[in-house]
Amino acid sequence: MKEYIEERAVEIANYIIEEKATVRQAAKKFGVSKSTIHMEVTK
């Protein structure tokens, strides 16, 4: 996994945990699709 993708995945995961956000909310905040959120956070 490229370093910038890994960093973004950690940032997204922290956001979801800290804000108790849904995948949909995280996708909107980071400007990516729900599929991207799932793919990055689960790998």
PDB file of N, CA and C in Angstrom:
ATOM      1  N   MET A   1       0.848  -1.178   0.000  1.00  0.00           N
ATOM      2  CA  MET A   1       0.000   0.000   0.000  1.00  0.00           C
ATOM      3  C   MET A   1       0.892   1.239   0.000  1.00  0.00           C
ATOM      4  N   LYS A   2       0.550   2.192  -0.829  1.00  0.00           N
ATOM      5  CA  LYS A   2       1.342   3.414  -0.882  1.00  0.00           C
ATOM      6  C   LYS A   2       1.235   4.163   0.439  1.00  0.00           C
ATOM      7  N   GLU A   3       2.304   4.853   0.793  1.00  0.00           N
ATOM      8  CA  GLU A   3       2.386   5.503   2.098  1.00  0.00           C
ATOM      9  C   GLU A   3       1.261   6.513   2.322  1.00  0.00           C
ATOM     10  N   TYR A   4       0.948   7.325   1.308  1.00  0.00           N
ATOM     11  CA  TYR A   4      -0.099   8.335   1.499  1.00  0.00           C
ATOM     12  C   TYR A   4      -1.473   7.693   1.695  1.00  0.00           C
ATOM     13  N   ILE A   5      -1.700   6.548   1.066  1.00  0.00           N
ATOM     14  CA  ILE A   5      -2.971   5.846   1.260  1.00  0.00           C
ATOM     15  C   ILE A   5      -3.034   5.277   2.674  1.00  0.00           C
ATOM     16  N   GLU A   6      -1.925   4.745   3.133  1.00  0.00           N
ATOM     17  CA  GLU A   6      -1.867   4.198   4.486  1.00  0.00           C
ATOM     18  C   GLU A   6      -2.115   5.292   5.520  1.00  0.00           C
ATOM     19  N   GLU A   7      -1.515   6.444   5.328  1.00  0.00           N
ATOM     20  CA  GLU A   7      -1.715   7.566   6.254  1.00  0.00           C
ATOM     21  C   GLU A   7      -3.178   8.012   6.249  1.00  0.00           C
ATOM     22  N   ARG A   8      -3.779   8.084   5.055  1.00  0.00           N
ATOM     23  CA  ARG A   8      -5.179   8.493   4.970  1.00  0.00           C
ATOM     24  C   ARG A   8      -6.077   7.456   5.635  1.00  0.00           C
ATOM     25  N   ALA A   9      -5.760   6.173   5.493  1.00  0.00           N
ATOM     26  CA  ALA A   9      -6.551   5.117   6.119  1.00  0.00           C
ATOM     27  C   ALA A   9      -6.530   5.255   7.636  1.00  0.00           C
ATOM     28  N   VAL A  10      -5.374   5.557   8.192  1.00  0.00           N
ATOM     29  CA  VAL A  10      -5.259   5.757   9.639  1.00  0.00           C
ATOM     30  C   VAL A  10      -6.055   6.990  10.062  1.00  0.00           C
ATOM     31  N   GLU A  11      -5.958   8.052   9.286  1.00  0.00           N
ATOM     32  CA  GLU A  11      -6.702   9.275   9.589  1.00  0.00           C
ATOM     33  C   GLU A  11      -8.210   9.027   9.555  1.00  0.00           C
ATOM     34  N   ILE A  12      -8.664   8.286   8.550  1.00  0.00           N
ATOM     35  CA  ILE A  12     -10.087   7.965   8.433  1.00  0.00           C
ATOM     36  C   ILE A  12     -10.535   7.107   9.607  1.00  0.00           C
ATOM     37  N   ALA A  13      -9.746   6.092   9.938  1.00  0.00           N
ATOM     38  CA  ALA A  13     -10.092   5.202  11.052  1.00  0.00           C
ATOM     39  C   ALA A  13     -10.185   5.981  12.361  1.00  0.00           C
ATOM     40  N   ASN A  14      -9.228   6.861  12.595  1.00  0.00           N
ATOM     41  CA  ASN A  14      -9.266   7.688  13.810  1.00  0.00           C
ATOM     42  C   ASN A  14     -10.498   8.579  13.835  1.00  0.00           C
ATOM     43  N   TYR A  15     -10.856   9.148  12.697  1.00  0.00           N
ATOM     44  CA  TYR A  15     -12.041  10.000  12.612  1.00  0.00           C
ATOM     45  C   TYR A  15     -13.294   9.196  12.961  1.00  0.00           C
ATOM     46  N   ILE A  16     -13.417   8.009  12.381  1.00  0.00           N
ATOM     47  CA  ILE A  16     -14.592   7.174  12.633  1.00  0.00           C
ATOM     48  C   ILE A  16     -14.692   6.817  14.119  1.00  0.00           C
ATOM     49  N   ILE A  17     -13.577   6.463  14.715  1.00  0.00           N
ATOM     50  CA  ILE A  17     -13.568   6.082  16.134  1.00  0.00           C
ATOM     51  C   ILE A  17     -13.869   7.273  17.030  1.00  0.00           C
ATOM     52  N   GLU A  18     -13.170   8.378  16.833  1.00  0.00           N
ATOM     53  CA  GLU A  18     -13.305   9.537  17.707  1.00  0.00           C
ATOM     54  C   GLU A  18     -14.674  10.202  17.599  1.00  0.00           C
ATOM     55  N   GLU A  19     -15.189  10.284  16.380  1.00  0.00           N
ATOM     56  CA  GLU A  19     -16.466  10.969  16.162  1.00  0.00           C
ATOM     57  C   GLU A  19     -17.661  10.016  16.163  1.00  0.00           C
ATOM     58  N   LYS A  20     -17.372   8.707  16.305  1.00  0.00           N
ATOM     59  CA  LYS A  20     -18.420   7.685  16.193  1.00  0.00           C
ATOM     60  C   LYS A  20     -19.200   7.887  14.895  1.00  0.00           C
ATOM     61  N   ALA A  21     -18.452   8.143  13.842  1.00  0.00           N
ATOM     62  CA  ALA A  21     -19.025   8.460  12.538  1.00  0.00           C
ATOM     63  C   ALA A  21     -19.367   7.185  11.769  1.00  0.00           C
ATOM     64  N   THR A  22     -20.315   7.345  10.866  1.00  0.00           N
ATOM     65  CA  THR A  22     -20.650   6.248   9.957  1.00  0.00           C
ATOM     66  C   THR A  22     -19.707   6.299   8.762  1.00  0.00           C
ATOM     67  N   VAL A  23     -19.725   5.234   7.979  1.00  0.00           N
ATOM     68  CA  VAL A  23     -18.916   5.200   6.755  1.00  0.00           C
ATOM     69  C   VAL A  23     -19.368   6.326   5.828  1.00  0.00           C
ATOM     70  N   ARG A  24     -20.660   6.534   5.751  1.00  0.00           N
ATOM     71  CA  ARG A  24     -21.206   7.593   4.895  1.00  0.00           C
ATOM     72  C   ARG A  24     -20.705   8.979   5.341  1.00  0.00           C
ATOM     73  N   GLN A  25     -20.691   9.225   6.643  1.00  0.00           N
ATOM     74  CA  GLN A  25     -20.204  10.512   7.159  1.00  0.00           C
ATOM     75  C   GLN A  25     -18.707  10.682   6.880  1.00  0.00           C
ATOM     76  N   ALA A  26     -17.954   9.624   7.062  1.00  0.00           N
ATOM     77  CA  ALA A  26     -16.518   9.686   6.801  1.00  0.00           C
ATOM     78  C   ALA A  26     -16.245   9.945   5.325  1.00  0.00           C
ATOM     79  N   ALA A  27     -17.004   9.294   4.457  1.00  0.00           N
ATOM     80  CA  ALA A  27     -16.824   9.489   3.021  1.00  0.00           C
ATOM     81  C   ALA A  27     -17.073  10.940   2.644  1.00  0.00           C
ATOM     82  N   LYS A  28     -18.102  11.523   3.210  1.00  0.00           N
ATOM     83  CA  LYS A  28     -18.424  12.923   2.916  1.00  0.00           C
ATOM     84  C   LYS A  28     -17.313  13.845   3.430  1.00  0.00           C
ATOM     85  N   LYS A  29     -16.845  13.596   4.637  1.00  0.00           N
ATOM     86  CA  LYS A  29     -15.796  14.442   5.230  1.00  0.00           C
ATOM     87  C   LYS A  29     -14.497  14.397   4.419  1.00  0.00           C
ATOM     88  N   PHE A  30     -14.117  13.210   3.945  1.00  0.00           N
ATOM     89  CA  PHE A  30     -12.850  13.052   3.239  1.00  0.00           C
ATOM     90  C   PHE A  30     -12.984  13.166   1.727  1.00  0.00           C
ATOM     91  N   GLY A  31     -14.200  13.322   1.238  1.00  0.00           N
ATOM     92  CA  GLY A  31     -14.405  13.532  -0.196  1.00  0.00           C
ATOM     93  C   GLY A  31     -14.115  12.310  -1.046  1.00  0.00           C
ATOM     94  N   VAL A  32     -14.405  11.139  -0.502  1.00  0.00           N
ATOM     95  CA  VAL A  32     -14.219   9.895  -1.243  1.00  0.00           C
ATOM     96  C   VAL A  32     -15.503   9.077  -1.158  1.00  0.00           C
ATOM     97  N   SER A  33     -15.550   7.985  -1.905  1.00  0.00           N
ATOM     98  CA  SER A  33     -16.748   7.156  -1.907  1.00  0.00           C
ATOM     99  C   SER A  33     -16.783   6.236  -0.680  1.00  0.00           C
ATOM    100  N   LYS A  34     -17.977   5.704  -0.415  1.00  0.00           N
ATOM    101  CA  LYS A  34     -18.110   4.744   0.682  1.00  0.00           C
ATOM    102  C   LYS A  34     -17.262   3.512   0.411  1.00  0.00           C
ATOM    103  N   SER A  35     -17.180   3.114  -0.836  1.00  0.00           N
ATOM    104  CA  SER A  35     -16.371   1.949  -1.205  1.00  0.00           C
ATOM    105  C   SER A  35     -14.901   2.179  -0.870  1.00  0.00           C
ATOM    106  N   THR A  36     -14.422   3.387  -1.113  1.00  0.00           N
ATOM    107  CA  THR A  36     -13.028   3.723  -0.804  1.00  0.00           C
ATOM    108  C   THR A  36     -12.786   3.639   0.694  1.00  0.00           C
ATOM    109  N   ILE A  37     -13.724   4.144   1.476  1.00  0.00           N
ATOM    110  CA  ILE A  37     -13.595   4.076   2.937  1.00  0.00           C
ATOM    111  C   ILE A  37     -13.490   2.616   3.368  1.00  0.00           C
ATOM    112  N   HIS A  38     -14.402   1.777   2.914  1.00  0.00           N
ATOM    113  CA  HIS A  38     -14.388   0.355   3.266  1.00  0.00           C
ATOM    114  C   HIS A  38     -13.070  -0.287   2.855  1.00  0.00           C
ATOM    115  N   MET A  39     -12.653  -0.039   1.635  1.00  0.00           N
ATOM    116  CA  MET A  39     -11.448  -0.670   1.103  1.00  0.00           C
ATOM    117  C   MET A  39     -10.208  -0.271   1.906  1.00  0.00           C
ATOM    118  N   GLU A  40     -10.073   1.016   2.199  1.00  0.00           N
ATOM    119  CA  GLU A  40      -8.878   1.494   2.881  1.00  0.00           C
ATOM    120  C   GLU A  40      -8.841   1.095   4.353  1.00  0.00           C
ATOM    121  N   VAL A  41      -9.972   1.125   5.019  1.00  0.00           N
ATOM    122  CA  VAL A  41      -9.986   0.857   6.454  1.00  0.00           C
ATOM    123  C   VAL A  41      -9.878  -0.637   6.739  1.00  0.00           C
ATOM    124  N   THR A  42     -10.343  -1.474   5.825  1.00  0.00           N
ATOM    125  CA  THR A  42     -10.315  -2.912   6.098  1.00  0.00           C
ATOM    126  C   THR A  42      -9.021  -3.588   5.664  1.00  0.00           C
ATOM    127  N   LYS A  43      -8.196  -2.945   4.870  1.00  0.00           N
ATOM    128  CA  LYS A  43      -6.941  -3.577   4.417  1.00  0.00           C
ATOM    129  C   LYS A  43      -5.810  -3.336   5.366  1.00  0.00           C
TER     130      LYS A  43
END
